[in-house]
C-alpha atoms as a PDB file:
ATOM      1  CA  MET A   1     -26.666 -47.853  57.147  1.00  0.00           C
ATOM      2  CA  GLY A   2     -24.737 -45.616  58.795  1.00  0.00           C
ATOM      3  CA  ALA A   3     -23.485 -43.634  62.463  1.00  0.00           C
ATOM      4  CA  PHE A   4     -22.260 -40.915  61.900  1.00  0.00           C
ATOM      5  CA  PHE A   5     -21.945 -37.949  64.586  1.00  0.00           C
ATOM      6  CA  ASN A   6     -20.737 -34.715  64.520  1.00  0.00           C
ATOM      7  CA  SER A   7     -20.046 -33.179  68.095  1.00  0.00           C
ATOM      8  CA  SER A   8     -20.259 -34.934  71.505  1.00  0.00           C
ATOM      9  CA  ASP A   9     -24.116 -33.515  71.658  1.00  0.00           C
ATOM     10  CA  PHE A  10     -25.549 -35.224  69.301  1.00  0.00           C
ATOM     11  CA  LEU A  11     -25.744 -38.813  67.435  1.00  0.00           C
ATOM     12  CA  LEU A  12     -27.461 -39.739  63.807  1.00  0.00           C
ATOM     13  CA  GLU A  13     -28.620 -43.608  63.806  1.00  0.00           C
ATOM     14  CA  PRO A  14     -30.132 -45.245  61.372  1.00  0.00           C
ATOM     15  CA  ALA A  15     -34.124 -45.937  61.937  1.00  0.00           C
ATOM     16  CA  TYR A  16     -34.341 -49.439  60.219  1.00  0.00           C
ATOM     17  CA  LYS A  17     -37.493 -49.551  59.525  1.00  0.00           C
ATOM     18  CA  THR A  18     -37.606 -46.152  58.003  1.00  0.00           C
ATOM     19  CA  GLY A  19     -34.094 -46.074  56.171  1.00  0.00           C
ATOM     20  CA  ARG A  20     -33.763 -42.657  57.460  1.00  0.00           C
ATOM     21  CA  LEU A  21     -31.668 -41.518  60.446  1.00  0.00           C
ATOM     22  CA  GLN A  22     -33.522 -40.033  63.004  1.00  0.00           C
ATOM     23  CA  ILE A  23     -31.233 -37.724  65.794  1.00  0.00           C
ATOM     24  CA  ILE A  24     -30.174 -38.600  69.356  1.00  0.00           C
ATOM     25  CA  ASP A  25     -30.003 -35.318  71.315  1.00  0.00           C
ATOM     26  CA  ASN A  26     -27.565 -35.211  74.711  1.00  0.00           C
ATOM     27  CA  ALA A  27     -25.446 -37.676  72.830  1.00  0.00           C
ATOM     28  CA  VAL A  28     -21.729 -38.028  74.708  1.00  0.00           C
ATOM     29  CA  VAL A  29     -19.882 -40.051  72.213  1.00  0.00           C
ATOM     30  CA  ALA A  30     -17.171 -42.006  73.946  1.00  0.00           C
ATOM     31  CA  ARG A  31     -16.097 -44.859  71.502  1.00  0.00           C
ATOM     32  CA  VAL A  32     -16.674 -46.809  68.302  1.00  0.00           C
ATOM     33  CA  LEU A  33     -16.871 -50.131  68.187  1.00  0.00           C
ATOM     34  CA  VAL A  34     -15.544 -52.772  66.257  1.00  0.00           C
ATOM     35  CA  ASP A  35     -15.936 -56.282  65.204  1.00  0.00           C
ATOM     36  CA  HIS A  36     -13.983 -59.382  65.144  1.00  0.00           C
ATOM     37  CA  ALA A  37     -12.603 -58.762  61.874  1.00  0.00           C
ATOM     38  CA  GLY A  38     -11.085 -54.989  63.153  1.00  0.00           C
ATOM     39  CA  LEU A  39     -14.409 -53.359  60.877  1.00  0.00           C
ATOM     40  CA  ALA A  40     -16.494 -50.564  62.555  1.00  0.00           C
ATOM     41  CA  ASN A  41     -20.134 -51.733  63.656  1.00  0.00           C
ATOM     42  CA  GLY A  42     -21.183 -48.677  66.119  1.00  0.00           C
ATOM     43  CA  VAL A  43     -20.755 -46.352  68.411  1.00  0.00           C
ATOM     44  CA  GLN A  44     -21.018 -46.531  72.246  1.00  0.00           C
ATOM     45  CA  TYR A  45     -22.694 -42.926  73.822  1.00  0.00           C
ATOM     46  CA  PHE A  46     -23.922 -41.316  77.258  1.00  0.00           C
ATOM     47  CA  ASP A  47     -27.208 -39.317  77.530  1.00  0.00           C
ATOM     48  CA  ARG A  48     -25.627 -35.795  79.139  1.00  0.00           C
ATOM     49  CA  HIS A  49     -28.335 -36.258  81.534  1.00  0.00           C
ATOM     50  CA  THR A  50     -28.821 -39.646  82.649  1.00  0.00           C
ATOM     51  CA  LYS A  51     -25.380 -40.751  82.434  1.00  0.00           C
ATOM     52  CA  GLU A  52     -26.385 -44.567  80.830  1.00  0.00           C
ATOM     53  CA  GLU A  53     -24.600 -46.051  78.475  1.00  0.00           C
ATOM     54  CA  HIS A  54     -26.189 -46.637  74.758  1.00  0.00           C
ATOM     55  CA  ARG A  55     -24.495 -48.415  72.005  1.00  0.00           C
ATOM     56  CA  VAL A  56     -26.122 -48.338  68.446  1.00  0.00           C
ATOM     57  CA  LYS A  57     -25.094 -50.163  65.497  1.00  0.00           C
ATOM     58  CA  ALA A  58     -23.996 -49.173  62.107  1.00  0.00           C
ATOM     59  CA  ARG A  59     -22.307 -50.703  58.873  1.00  0.00           C
ATOM     60  CA  VAL A  60     -19.919 -47.158  58.105  1.00  0.00           C
ATOM     61  CA  VAL A  61     -18.967 -44.807  60.780  1.00  0.00           C
ATOM     62  CA  VAL A  62     -18.926 -41.101  59.857  1.00  0.00           C
ATOM     63  CA  VAL A  63     -16.800 -39.313  62.563  1.00  0.00           C
ATOM     64  CA  GLY A  64     -16.878 -35.164  62.038  1.00  0.00           C
ATOM     65  CA  ALA A  65     -16.963 -33.806  65.996  1.00  0.00           C
ATOM     66  CA  SER A  66     -14.104 -31.389  65.043  1.00  0.00           C
ATOM     67  CA  CYS A  67     -10.435 -31.806  65.540  1.00  0.00           C
ATOM     68  CA  VAL A  68      -9.967 -32.746  68.818  1.00  0.00           C
ATOM     69  CA  ASP A  69     -12.729 -34.459  69.335  1.00  0.00           C
ATOM     70  CA  SER A  70     -12.509 -36.687  67.074  1.00  0.00           C
ATOM     71  CA  THR A  71      -9.113 -37.510  67.805  1.00  0.00           C
ATOM     72  CA  ARG A  72     -10.226 -37.955  71.739  1.00  0.00           C
ATOM     73  CA  ILE A  73     -12.670 -40.845  70.371  1.00  0.00           C
ATOM     74  CA  LEU A  74     -10.257 -42.572  68.261  1.00  0.00           C
ATOM     75  CA  LEU A  75      -8.060 -42.748  70.603  1.00  0.00           C
ATOM     76  CA  ASN A  76      -9.808 -43.727  73.208  1.00  0.00           C
ATOM     77  CA  SER A  77     -11.350 -46.853  70.275  1.00  0.00           C
ATOM     78  CA  LYS A  78      -9.351 -49.265  71.363  1.00  0.00           C
ATOM     79  CA  SER A  79      -9.629 -52.907  71.491  1.00  0.00           C
ATOM     80  CA  THR A  80      -7.781 -56.229  70.973  1.00  0.00           C
ATOM     81  CA  ILE A  81      -7.120 -55.022  67.232  1.00  0.00           C
ATOM     82  CA  TYR A  82      -5.856 -51.994  67.800  1.00  0.00           C
ATOM     83  CA  PRO A  83      -4.516 -51.292  70.936  1.00  0.00           C
ATOM     84  CA  ASN A  84      -3.188 -47.958  70.586  1.00  0.00           C
ATOM     85  CA  GLY A  85      -6.913 -47.144  69.027  1.00  0.00           C
ATOM     86  CA  ILE A  86      -8.596 -47.865  65.830  1.00  0.00           C
ATOM     87  CA  GLY A  87      -7.291 -47.536  62.613  1.00  0.00           C
ATOM     88  CA  ASN A  88      -3.911 -46.161  64.624  1.00  0.00           C
ATOM     89  CA  SER A  89      -1.487 -49.650  64.106  1.00  0.00           C
ATOM     90  CA  SER A  90       0.968 -46.500  62.615  1.00  0.00           C
ATOM     91  CA  ASP A  91       0.811 -44.347  65.981  1.00  0.00           C
ATOM     92  CA  VAL A  92      -0.238 -41.501  63.475  1.00  0.00           C
ATOM     93  CA  ILE A  93      -3.458 -40.883  64.596  1.00  0.00           C
ATOM     94  CA  GLY A  94      -3.112 -37.609  67.199  1.00  0.00           C
ATOM     95  CA  ARG A  95      -0.104 -36.266  65.645  1.00  0.00           C
ATOM     96  CA  TYR A  96       0.683 -33.864  64.140  1.00  0.00           C
ATOM     97  CA  LEU A  97      -1.265 -31.531  65.460  1.00  0.00           C
ATOM     98  CA  CYS A  98      -1.246 -28.083  64.089  1.00  0.00           C
ATOM     99  CA  GLU A  99      -2.454 -24.603  64.273  1.00  0.00           C
ATOM    100  CA  GLN A 100      -1.570 -21.199  63.011  1.00  0.00           C
ATOM    101  CA  ILE A 101       0.075 -18.430  64.755  1.00  0.00           C
ATOM    102  CA  ARG A 102      -2.004 -15.722  65.552  1.00  0.00           C
ATOM    103  CA  PHE A 103      -1.311 -12.330  67.390  1.00  0.00           C
ATOM    104  CA  HIS A 104      -3.708  -8.678  67.409  1.00  0.00           C
ATOM    105  CA  ILE A 105      -2.615  -5.385  67.135  1.00  0.00           C
ATOM    106  CA  TYR A 106      -4.791  -2.622  67.924  1.00  0.00           C
ATOM    107  CA  ALA A 107      -4.973   1.426  66.493  1.00  0.00           C
ATOM    108  CA  PHE A 108      -7.221   4.227  65.923  1.00  0.00           C
ATOM    109  CA  MET A 109      -6.845   4.586  61.773  1.00  0.00           C
ATOM    110  CA  PRO A 110      -6.969   9.100  61.724  1.00  0.00           C
ATOM    111  CA  GLU A 111      -9.690   9.553  58.758  1.00  0.00           C
ATOM    112  CA  LEU A 112     -12.251   7.554  60.566  1.00  0.00           C
ATOM    113  CA  ILE A 113     -11.869   9.484  64.204  1.00  0.00           C
ATOM    114  CA  GLY A 114     -15.398  11.398  64.242  1.00  0.00           C
ATOM    115  CA  GLY A 115     -16.665   9.606  61.317  1.00  0.00           C
ATOM    116  CA  GLU A 116     -20.202   8.444  62.086  1.00  0.00           C
ATOM    117  CA  VAL A 117     -20.783   6.282  64.618  1.00  0.00           C
ATOM    118  CA  TYR A 118     -22.504   2.826  63.899  1.00  0.00           C
ATOM    119  CA  ASP A 119     -25.080   0.556  66.055  1.00  0.00           C
ATOM    120  CA  ASP A 120     -22.347  -2.553  65.446  1.00  0.00           C
ATOM    121  CA  SER A 121     -25.132  -4.647  68.255  1.00  0.00           C
ATOM    122  CA  GLY A 122     -26.214  -8.286  66.928  1.00  0.00           C
ATOM    123  CA  ILE A 123     -23.896 -10.515  65.026  1.00  0.00           C
ATOM    124  CA  GLY A 124     -20.338  -9.409  63.620  1.00  0.00           C
ATOM    125  CA  GLY A 125     -17.401 -10.687  62.215  1.00  0.00           C
ATOM    126  CA  GLU A 126     -16.831  -8.904  58.449  1.00  0.00           C
ATOM    127  CA  HIS A 127     -13.866  -8.222  57.665  1.00  0.00           C
ATOM    128  CA  ILE A 128     -11.025  -7.251  55.161  1.00  0.00           C
ATOM    129  CA  TYR A 129      -8.723 -10.318  54.082  1.00  0.00           C
ATOM    130  CA  MET A 130      -5.289  -9.751  52.963  1.00  0.00           C
ATOM    131  CA  PRO A 131      -4.759 -13.127  51.649  1.00  0.00           C
ATOM    132  CA  ARG A 132      -1.093 -14.779  51.892  1.00  0.00           C
ATOM    133  CA  TYR A 133       1.347 -13.274  49.919  1.00  0.00           C
ATOM    134  CA  ASN A 134       4.776 -13.048  51.068  1.00  0.00           C
ATOM    135  CA  HIS A 135       6.660 -15.934  48.903  1.00  0.00           C
ATOM    136  CA  ARG A 136       5.498 -13.610  45.857  1.00  0.00           C
ATOM    137  CA  ASP A 137       8.406 -11.101  45.763  1.00  0.00           C
ATOM    138  CA  GLY A 138      11.433 -13.520  45.519  1.00  0.00           C
ATOM    139  CA  ARG A 139      13.071 -12.055  48.574  1.00  0.00           C
ATOM    140  CA  PRO A 140      14.633 -15.000  50.839  1.00  0.00           C
ATOM    141  CA  ARG A 141      13.162 -15.883  54.139  1.00  0.00           C
ATOM    142  CA  ASN A 142      14.077 -17.542  56.793  1.00  0.00           C
ATOM    143  CA  TYR A 143      11.334 -19.566  57.216  1.00  0.00           C
ATOM    144  CA  ILE A 144       8.751 -21.558  55.089  1.00  0.00           C
ATOM    145  CA  ARG A 145       5.156 -21.117  54.407  1.00  0.00           C
ATOM    146  CA  GLY A 146       3.435 -18.161  55.051  1.00  0.00           C
ATOM    147  CA  PHE A 147       0.479 -15.961  56.596  1.00  0.00           C
ATOM    148  CA  GLY A 148      -2.487 -13.679  55.198  1.00  0.00           C
ATOM    149  CA  MET A 149      -3.605 -10.902  57.688  1.00  0.00           C
ATOM    150  CA  GLN A 150      -7.042  -9.843  58.728  1.00  0.00           C
ATOM    151  CA  PHE A 151      -8.389  -6.171  59.057  1.00  0.00           C
ATOM    152  CA  TRP A 152     -11.311  -5.488  61.659  1.00  0.00           C
ATOM    153  CA  GLY A 153     -13.377  -2.293  62.597  1.00  0.00           C
ATOM    154  CA  CYS A 154     -13.220  -2.953  66.435  1.00  0.00           C
ATOM    155  CA  GLY A 155     -15.888   0.137  68.104  1.00  0.00           C
ATOM    156  CA  SER A 156     -16.019  -0.791  72.005  1.00  0.00           C
ATOM    157  CA  GLN A 157     -14.979  -4.676  71.660  1.00  0.00           C
ATOM    158  CA  ASP A 158     -14.932  -6.259  75.543  1.00  0.00           C
ATOM    159  CA  ALA A 159     -11.128  -7.148  74.627  1.00  0.00           C
ATOM    160  CA  VAL A 160      -9.931  -3.827  74.154  1.00  0.00           C
ATOM    161  CA  PRO A 161     -10.749  -1.527  77.093  1.00  0.00           C
ATOM    162  CA  TRP A 162      -9.521   1.654  75.505  1.00  0.00           C
ATOM    163  CA  ALA A 163     -11.585   4.000  76.380  1.00  0.00           C
ATOM    164  CA  HIS A 164     -11.266   3.548  80.064  1.00  0.00           C
ATOM    165  CA  THR A 165      -7.295   4.697  78.358  1.00  0.00           C
ATOM    166  CA  GLN A 166      -8.483   7.647  77.644  1.00  0.00           C
ATOM    167  CA  PRO A 167      -8.555  11.184  79.864  1.00  0.00           C
ATOM    168  CA  GLY A 168     -10.700  13.257  80.768  1.00  0.00           C
ATOM    169  CA  PHE A 169     -13.850  13.631  82.615  1.00  0.00           C
ATOM    170  CA  GLY A 170     -17.582  14.568  81.697  1.00  0.00           C
ATOM    171  CA  ALA A 171     -19.262  15.301  78.545  1.00  0.00           C
ATOM    172  CA  GLY A 172     -15.814  16.329  77.022  1.00  0.00           C
ATOM    173  CA  LEU A 173     -14.269  13.195  77.599  1.00  0.00           C
ATOM    174  CA  LYS A 174     -17.441  10.961  76.460  1.00  0.00           C
ATOM    175  CA  ARG A 175     -17.679  13.475  72.721  1.00  0.00           C
ATOM    176  CA  GLN A 176     -13.870  12.219  72.775  1.00  0.00           C
ATOM    177  CA  ILE A 177     -15.246   8.342  73.163  1.00  0.00           C
ATOM    178  CA  ARG A 178     -17.608   8.894  70.467  1.00  0.00           C
ATOM    179  CA  SER A 179     -15.399  10.405  68.649  1.00  0.00           C
ATOM    180  CA  LYS A 180     -12.888   7.565  68.605  1.00  0.00           C
ATOM    181  CA  TYR A 181     -15.220   4.433  68.560  1.00  0.00           C
ATOM    182  CA  PRO A 182     -15.297   4.399  64.634  1.00  0.00           C
ATOM    183  CA  ALA A 183     -11.441   4.959  64.016  1.00  0.00           C
ATOM    184  CA  LEU A 184     -10.329   1.686  66.588  1.00  0.00           C
ATOM    185  CA  VAL A 185      -9.452  -1.653  64.156  1.00  0.00           C
ATOM    186  CA  ALA A 186      -7.505  -4.415  64.349  1.00  0.00           C
ATOM    187  CA  LEU A 187      -5.028  -6.588  61.994  1.00  0.00           C
ATOM    188  CA  HIS A 188      -4.776 -10.296  62.517  1.00  0.00           C
ATOM    189  CA  PRO A 189      -2.143 -11.517  60.896  1.00  0.00           C
ATOM    190  CA  TYR A 190      -2.445 -16.062  60.720  1.00  0.00           C
ATOM    191  CA  GLY A 191       1.006 -17.725  60.341  1.00  0.00           C
ATOM    192  CA  GLU A 192       0.663 -21.563  59.098  1.00  0.00           C
ATOM    193  CA  THR A 193       2.674 -23.457  61.031  1.00  0.00           C
ATOM    194  CA  ILE A 194       4.241 -27.055  60.765  1.00  0.00           C
ATOM    195  CA  GLY A 195       2.938 -30.244  61.493  1.00  0.00           C
ATOM    196  CA  ARG A 196       5.240 -31.955  63.807  1.00  0.00           C
ATOM    197  CA  ALA A 197       5.068 -35.317  65.346  1.00  0.00           C
ATOM    198  CA  GLU A 198       5.964 -34.213  68.928  1.00  0.00           C
ATOM    199  CA  ASN A 199       2.794 -31.866  68.949  1.00  0.00           C
ATOM    200  CA  ARG A 200      -0.329 -34.505  69.273  1.00  0.00           C
ATOM    201  CA  ILE A 201      -3.110 -35.606  71.278  1.00  0.00           C
ATOM    202  CA  VAL A 202      -3.399 -37.919  73.848  1.00  0.00           C
ATOM    203  CA  VAL A 203      -5.877 -39.588  76.187  1.00  0.00           C
ATOM    204  CA  ASP A 204      -4.562 -39.657  79.434  1.00  0.00           C
ATOM    205  CA  GLU A 205      -5.984 -43.596  80.925  1.00  0.00           C
ATOM    206  CA  SER A 206      -5.168 -41.844  84.747  1.00  0.00           C
ATOM    207  CA  ASN A 207      -7.566 -39.380  84.105  1.00  0.00           C
ATOM    208  CA  LYS A 208     -11.357 -39.622  83.659  1.00  0.00           C
ATOM    209  CA  ASP A 209     -14.955 -38.015  82.917  1.00  0.00           C
ATOM    210  CA  GLN A 210     -17.977 -38.011  85.142  1.00  0.00           C
ATOM    211  CA  TYR A 211     -18.756 -40.955  81.914  1.00  0.00           C
ATOM    212  CA  GLY A 212     -15.548 -42.960  82.995  1.00  0.00           C
ATOM    213  CA  VAL A 213     -14.108 -41.848  79.615  1.00  0.00           C
ATOM    214  CA  PRO A 214     -10.174 -41.123  79.740  1.00  0.00           C
ATOM    215  CA  ARG A 215      -9.427 -37.127  79.038  1.00  0.00           C
ATOM    216  CA  MET A 216      -7.257 -36.232  75.871  1.00  0.00           C
ATOM    217  CA  ARG A 217      -4.018 -33.640  77.017  1.00  0.00           C
ATOM    218  CA  ILE A 218      -2.588 -31.672  74.538  1.00  0.00           C
ATOM    219  CA  GLU A 219       1.383 -31.806  74.257  1.00  0.00           C
ATOM    220  CA  TYR A 220       1.720 -28.392  71.691  1.00  0.00           C
ATOM    221  CA  ALA A 221       4.556 -25.974  72.065  1.00  0.00           C
ATOM    222  CA  ILE A 222       5.469 -23.488  68.547  1.00  0.00           C
ATOM    223  CA  GLY A 223       8.883 -23.965  66.579  1.00  0.00           C
ATOM    224  CA  ASP A 224      11.296 -22.518  65.344  1.00  0.00           C
ATOM    225  CA  ASN A 225       9.859 -21.443  62.258  1.00  0.00           C
ATOM    226  CA  GLU A 226       6.522 -19.601  63.484  1.00  0.00           C
ATOM    227  CA  HIS A 227       8.763 -17.639  65.572  1.00  0.00           C
ATOM    228  CA  LYS A 228      10.904 -16.310  62.649  1.00  0.00           C
ATOM    229  CA  MET A 229       8.045 -15.884  60.596  1.00  0.00           C
ATOM    230  CA  ALA A 230       5.946 -14.490  63.507  1.00  0.00           C
ATOM    231  CA  GLU A 231       8.482 -11.162  62.838  1.00  0.00           C
ATOM    232  CA  GLU A 232       7.866 -10.161  59.609  1.00  0.00           C
ATOM    233  CA  MET A 233       4.825 -10.779  60.208  1.00  0.00           C
ATOM    234  CA  TYR A 234       5.375  -8.128  62.952  1.00  0.00           C
ATOM    235  CA  ASP A 235       7.039  -5.505  60.847  1.00  0.00           C
ATOM    236  CA  MET A 236       3.932  -5.799  58.064  1.00  0.00           C
ATOM    237  CA  CYS A 237       2.020  -4.776  60.556  1.00  0.00           C
ATOM    238  CA  GLU A 238       4.189  -1.609  61.518  1.00  0.00           C
ATOM    239  CA  GLU A 239       4.698  -0.947  57.969  1.00  0.00           C
ATOM    240  CA  ILE A 240       1.062  -0.997  57.452  1.00  0.00           C
ATOM    241  CA  LEU A 241       0.398   0.705  60.285  1.00  0.00           C
ATOM    242  CA  HIS A 242       2.722   3.552  59.757  1.00  0.00           C
ATOM    243  CA  ALA A 243       2.143   4.340  55.751  1.00  0.00           C
ATOM    244  CA  ALA A 244      -1.379   4.379  57.556  1.00  0.00           C
ATOM    245  CA  LYS A 245      -0.206   7.227  60.476  1.00  0.00           C
ATOM    246  CA  ALA A 246      -2.300   4.788  62.954  1.00  0.00           C
ATOM    247  CA  GLU A 247      -2.130   6.083  66.477  1.00  0.00           C
ATOM    248  CA  THR A 248      -1.158   2.571  68.134  1.00  0.00           C
ATOM    249  CA  LEU A 249      -2.549   1.279  71.365  1.00  0.00           C
ATOM    250  CA  PRO A 250       0.430  -0.641  72.986  1.00  0.00           C
ATOM    251  CA  TYR A 251       1.535  -3.946  72.162  1.00  0.00           C
ATOM    252  CA  LYS A 252       4.244  -6.986  73.105  1.00  0.00           C
ATOM    253  CA  ARG A 253       6.294  -7.333  69.995  1.00  0.00           C
ATOM    254  CA  GLY A 254       7.227 -11.195  69.037  1.00  0.00           C
ATOM    255  CA  ALA A 255       3.966 -11.799  71.697  1.00  0.00           C
ATOM    256  CA  LEU A 256       1.402 -14.705  70.325  1.00  0.00           C
ATOM    257  CA  ASP A 257      -1.799 -15.397  71.431  1.00  0.00           C
ATOM    258  CA  VAL A 258      -2.030 -18.556  73.428  1.00  0.00           C
ATOM    259  CA  ALA A 259      -2.239 -21.892  71.397  1.00  0.00           C
ATOM    260  CA  GLY A 260      -5.907 -22.502  70.908  1.00  0.00           C
ATOM    261  CA  SER A 261      -7.060 -19.270  70.318  1.00  0.00           C
ATOM    262  CA  ALA A 262      -7.741 -19.881  66.161  1.00  0.00           C
ATOM    263  CA  ILE A 263      -9.968 -22.461  66.857  1.00  0.00           C
ATOM    264  CA  HIS A 264      -8.654 -23.655  63.949  1.00  0.00           C
ATOM    265  CA  GLU A 265      -7.155 -27.163  64.742  1.00  0.00           C
ATOM    266  CA  HIS A 266      -5.549 -29.695  62.100  1.00  0.00           C
ATOM    267  CA  GLY A 267      -3.596 -32.676  61.175  1.00  0.00           C
ATOM    268  CA  THR A 268      -4.230 -35.330  63.920  1.00  0.00           C
ATOM    269  CA  CYS A 269      -6.182 -37.942  61.405  1.00  0.00           C
ATOM    270  CA  ARG A 270      -4.328 -36.613  58.296  1.00  0.00           C
ATOM    271  CA  MET A 271      -4.754 -38.233  54.832  1.00  0.00           C
ATOM    272  CA  GLY A 272      -1.957 -39.780  52.470  1.00  0.00           C
ATOM    273  CA  ASP A 273      -0.763 -42.689  50.259  1.00  0.00           C
ATOM    274  CA  ASP A 274       1.216 -44.118  52.874  1.00  0.00           C
ATOM    275  CA  PRO A 275      -0.226 -45.515  55.465  1.00  0.00           C
ATOM    276  CA  GLN A 276       2.743 -45.693  57.847  1.00  0.00           C
ATOM    277  CA  LEU A 277       2.946 -41.649  57.700  1.00  0.00           C
ATOM    278  CA  SER A 278      -1.176 -41.179  57.474  1.00  0.00           C
ATOM    279  CA  ALA A 279      -4.585 -42.582  58.426  1.00  0.00           C
ATOM    280  CA  LEU A 280      -6.363 -41.618  55.636  1.00  0.00           C
ATOM    281  CA  ASN A 281      -6.522 -42.083  52.138  1.00  0.00           C
ATOM    282  CA  GLY A 282      -7.714 -38.796  49.554  1.00  0.00           C
ATOM    283  CA  PHE A 283     -11.400 -39.343  50.468  1.00  0.00           C
ATOM    284  CA  CYS A 284     -10.828 -39.011  54.261  1.00  0.00           C
ATOM    285  CA  GLN A 285     -11.487 -43.041  54.343  1.00  0.00           C
ATOM    286  CA  MET A 286      -9.224 -44.826  56.889  1.00  0.00           C
ATOM    287  CA  HIS A 287      -6.701 -46.865  55.241  1.00  0.00           C
ATOM    288  CA  ALA A 288      -6.903 -49.261  58.417  1.00  0.00           C
ATOM    289  CA  VAL A 289     -10.506 -49.828  58.614  1.00  0.00           C
ATOM    290  CA  LYS A 290     -12.232 -49.171  55.336  1.00  0.00           C
ATOM    291  CA  ASN A 291     -15.764 -48.586  57.250  1.00  0.00           C
ATOM    292  CA  MET A 292     -14.374 -45.678  59.024  1.00  0.00           C
ATOM    293  CA  PHE A 293     -14.540 -42.177  57.418  1.00  0.00           C
ATOM    294  CA  VAL A 294     -13.070 -38.646  59.026  1.00  0.00           C
ATOM    295  CA  VAL A 295     -14.899 -35.650  57.595  1.00  0.00           C
ATOM    296  CA  ASP A 296     -13.314 -32.513  59.331  1.00  0.00           C
ATOM    297  CA  GLY A 297     -10.133 -30.485  59.844  1.00  0.00           C
ATOM    298  CA  SER A 298      -8.012 -33.563  61.124  1.00  0.00           C
ATOM    299  CA  ALA A 299      -8.003 -34.646  57.414  1.00  0.00           C
ATOM    300  CA  PHE A 300      -5.481 -31.725  56.700  1.00  0.00           C
ATOM    301  CA  THR A 301      -1.746 -32.231  56.947  1.00  0.00           C
ATOM    302  CA  THR A 302      -1.379 -28.637  57.786  1.00  0.00           C
ATOM    303  CA  ALA A 303      -2.808 -25.579  58.682  1.00  0.00           C
ATOM    304  CA  SER A 304      -2.392 -23.398  55.920  1.00  0.00           C
ATOM    305  CA  GLU A 305      -2.895 -20.566  57.253  1.00  0.00           C
ATOM    306  CA  LYS A 306      -6.884 -19.517  56.443  1.00  0.00           C
ATOM    307  CA  ASN A 307      -9.682 -20.488  57.826  1.00  0.00           C
ATOM    308  CA  PRO A 308     -10.070 -24.128  57.083  1.00  0.00           C
ATOM    309  CA  THR A 309     -14.366 -24.207  57.266  1.00  0.00           C
ATOM    310  CA  LEU A 310     -15.151 -24.191  52.898  1.00  0.00           C
ATOM    311  CA  THR A 311     -12.164 -26.798  52.219  1.00  0.00           C
ATOM    312  CA  ILE A 312     -13.586 -29.009  55.081  1.00  0.00           C
ATOM    313  CA  LEU A 313     -17.173 -28.723  54.116  1.00  0.00           C
ATOM    314  CA  ALA A 314     -15.579 -29.768  50.146  1.00  0.00           C
ATOM    315  CA  LEU A 315     -13.571 -32.399  51.624  1.00  0.00           C
ATOM    316  CA  ALA A 316     -16.304 -33.639  53.347  1.00  0.00           C
ATOM    317  CA  TRP A 317     -18.695 -33.553  50.265  1.00  0.00           C
ATOM    318  CA  ARG A 318     -16.309 -35.229  48.210  1.00  0.00           C
ATOM    319  CA  ALA A 319     -16.197 -37.822  50.696  1.00  0.00           C
ATOM    320  CA  SER A 320     -19.793 -38.777  50.888  1.00  0.00           C
ATOM    321  CA  ASP A 321     -19.781 -38.818  47.097  1.00  0.00           C
ATOM    322  CA  TYR A 322     -17.232 -41.924  47.530  1.00  0.00           C
ATOM    323  CA  LEU A 323     -19.058 -43.461  50.169  1.00  0.00           C
ATOM    324  CA  ALA A 324     -22.403 -43.567  48.305  1.00  0.00           C
ATOM    325  CA  GLY A 325     -20.597 -45.268  45.515  1.00  0.00           C
ATOM    326  CA  GLU A 326     -18.886 -47.761  47.633  1.00  0.00           C
ATOM    327  CA  MET A 327     -21.634 -48.529  49.143  1.00  0.00           C
ATOM    328  CA  LYS A 328     -23.547 -49.516  46.089  1.00  0.00           C
ATOM    329  CA  ARG A 329     -20.588 -51.421  44.165  1.00  0.00           C
ATOM    330  CA  GLY A 330     -20.645 -53.455  47.565  1.00  0.00           C
ATOM    331  CA  ASN A 331     -17.416 -52.617  48.705  1.00  0.00           C
ATOM    332  CA  VAL A 332     -18.026 -50.645  52.033  1.00  0.00           C
END
């Protein structure tokens, strides 16, 4: 049996009599527990409402709490065998944090002004995507890696209060706003960042949460390579908007969204062949703790420039198949 947690809000615990997993609601996971041999043997968690501590035993522990929270849990899982966090003898866990750089430019597309107005309430998110292309033309760049771009139709997004900037009053103002409503679009380029050891997540023993567990602290800076890439990202946005004869809303060239805005964090428990440079093998299994698996974005070696969701799912599926085989063979 195994314990699996994919957020700090619930935990799956084995019910030994039925052989099935049961959901433990409101569980705030704090640490992975280890036995005298250094293998994971359970999880410590707290009840969100009562603040009571609980522990569950497990033959295998699978962590999938997202890159940032998984890292917090792993680094807090300290013991005499793993004083820097479970499986972290090479000081890799927590390091190489990376996330895409991103910014937004908004504009009105002339062909869409005066078009039909649709009800855009409810769930949205559909967009057009321009794949990474920048190294296919053979032209040398002063940076490595690349970027892609999303194109969104925005309507009256709260984040873009353009209607307040329109001149006029009364019925005329309303007609003007309604005419431009379907024409507002956004260009969102996403650029790949380089994983650097100094970009990291740590836990702060002097700053503990309500359960007495150390909170995490993020140390992160965007590098020179990313700033150089951003110049071409801006160039491409401006070229597209100029060709479309778009009415561009004000923006500051060179500005980037605050780190964390893309919500695609990666790299802090990365996979690889060398245990000195990576925490996991190619099946998301810990080098140092064979019955520990980490199946979220922290296993990535780079953030790329893409949405990682489907890749995370594929890696988790691959890890699950591998784990099932290893359990049948008695290796885990």
